[in-house]
Every structure is written in C-alpha cells, then in structure tokens.
Protein backbone atom coordinates (compact mmCIF):
# COMPACT_ATOMS: atom_id res chain seq x y z
CA MET A 1 -4.87 -1.13 31.70
CA LEU A 2 -3.68 -5.13 30.43
CA ARG A 3 -0.85 -4.35 29.05
CA VAL A 4 0.57 -2.00 32.50
CA PHE A 5 -1.00 -5.07 34.58
CA ILE A 6 1.28 -7.48 31.98
CA ASN A 7 4.63 -5.01 32.39
CA GLU A 8 4.04 -4.88 35.89
CA SER A 9 3.80 -8.62 36.44
CA ASP A 10 7.15 -9.72 36.90
CA ASN A 11 6.80 -11.52 33.65
CA LYS A 12 4.31 -13.67 34.78
CA TYR A 13 1.97 -13.17 32.33
CA ARG A 14 2.89 -12.67 27.94
CA LEU A 15 0.14 -11.48 25.86
CA LEU A 16 -0.37 -13.95 22.35
CA ASP A 17 0.74 -13.12 19.06
CA GLU A 18 -2.33 -14.87 17.70
CA SER A 19 -6.03 -13.76 18.55
CA LEU A 20 -7.58 -17.87 20.02
CA LEU A 21 -11.53 -16.28 19.69
CA LEU A 22 -12.32 -14.37 16.53
CA SER A 23 -14.97 -12.61 16.88
CA LYS A 24 -17.99 -10.99 14.74
CA LEU A 25 -20.52 -9.41 15.45
CA GLY A 26 -23.54 -7.70 13.84
CA ILE A 27 -26.25 -5.20 14.74
CA ALA A 28 -30.49 -6.45 14.49
CA PHE A 29 -33.19 -3.46 13.59
CA ALA A 30 -36.48 -4.23 14.82
CA LYS A 31 -38.63 -4.58 11.64
CA ASP A 32 -40.57 -1.51 11.60
CA ASN A 33 -37.80 0.27 12.60
CA ASP A 34 -37.07 3.42 9.95
CA SER A 35 -35.20 1.37 6.43
CA ALA A 36 -32.38 4.03 5.65
CA LEU A 37 -31.00 3.86 9.69
CA PRO A 38 -28.87 0.91 8.91
CA GLU A 39 -27.72 2.24 5.82
CA LYS A 40 -26.59 5.85 7.58
CA LEU A 41 -24.62 3.11 9.88
CA ARG A 42 -23.39 1.35 6.94
CA ALA A 43 -21.94 4.54 5.51
CA THR A 44 -20.30 6.09 9.26
CA LEU A 45 -18.72 2.34 9.77
CA TYR A 46 -17.53 2.73 6.15
CA ASP A 47 -15.92 7.17 5.85
CA MET A 48 -14.94 5.94 9.52
CA LYS A 49 -12.31 3.05 8.32
CA ASN A 50 -11.12 4.77 5.37
CA ASP A 51 -10.64 7.90 7.34
CA GLY A 52 -8.84 6.45 10.06
CA THR A 53 -11.05 6.53 13.87
CA LEU A 54 -11.20 2.85 13.56
CA ALA A 55 -7.28 1.88 13.19
CA GLN A 56 -7.47 5.10 16.69
CA ILE A 57 -9.60 3.64 18.61
CA ALA A 58 -8.03 -0.26 18.70
CA VAL A 59 -4.65 1.67 19.47
CA LYS A 60 -6.25 3.39 22.26
CA TYR A 61 -7.16 -0.15 22.90
CA GLY A 62 -3.44 -0.59 23.00
CA LEU A 63 -5.24 -3.48 20.15
CA ASP A 64 -3.46 -3.41 16.97
CA PRO A 65 -5.09 -1.75 14.09
CA ASN A 66 -4.21 -4.84 11.44
CA THR A 67 -5.15 -7.71 13.55
CA ALA A 68 -8.05 -6.08 15.10
CA LEU A 69 -9.59 -4.43 11.91
CA GLY A 70 -7.78 -7.21 9.53
CA GLY A 71 -10.72 -8.97 8.69
CA ILE A 72 -13.39 -6.30 9.32
CA THR A 73 -16.61 -6.71 6.15
CA LEU A 74 -19.55 -3.78 6.04
CA GLU A 75 -22.17 -5.71 4.01
C-alpha cells in the first residue's frame, strides 16, 4: 500500500535504501503460564523461518526478507 502511494506521488516521495530504525521485539509470558508455551512458540517461529513462511509474510507487506529478517534470532 505504501509503495502504491509512493509510485503515484509523481516522485515527491521515495523509500530509503537503508532503515532508519531497527526494532527488536520480545514476547512476555505470565509467570504462571504453561512453561512449555515459550518453547512451542520458539519452535513454530523457527519452522516458519526455515520453511520460508516468514519471508513470504515480509514480501506480502512489501519488505525485503533479507533486510527484514536478516537479524532475526530465536533465542
């Protein structure tokens, strides 16, 4: 959607080649939560990264998977 806006703006706007912001996200779990849940999530994200699902999601939203996922760690 952003790319469409930029493309229709008669070159008034452009996307930068480099990111101005790198966000690292984490997930919090309640202390009394199922202790297996964090490992299940980690395994699911690991599988999604390895089978290309995360890259497909990045492309769907107009992102370069190498840039968007290049620094992803599943610790």
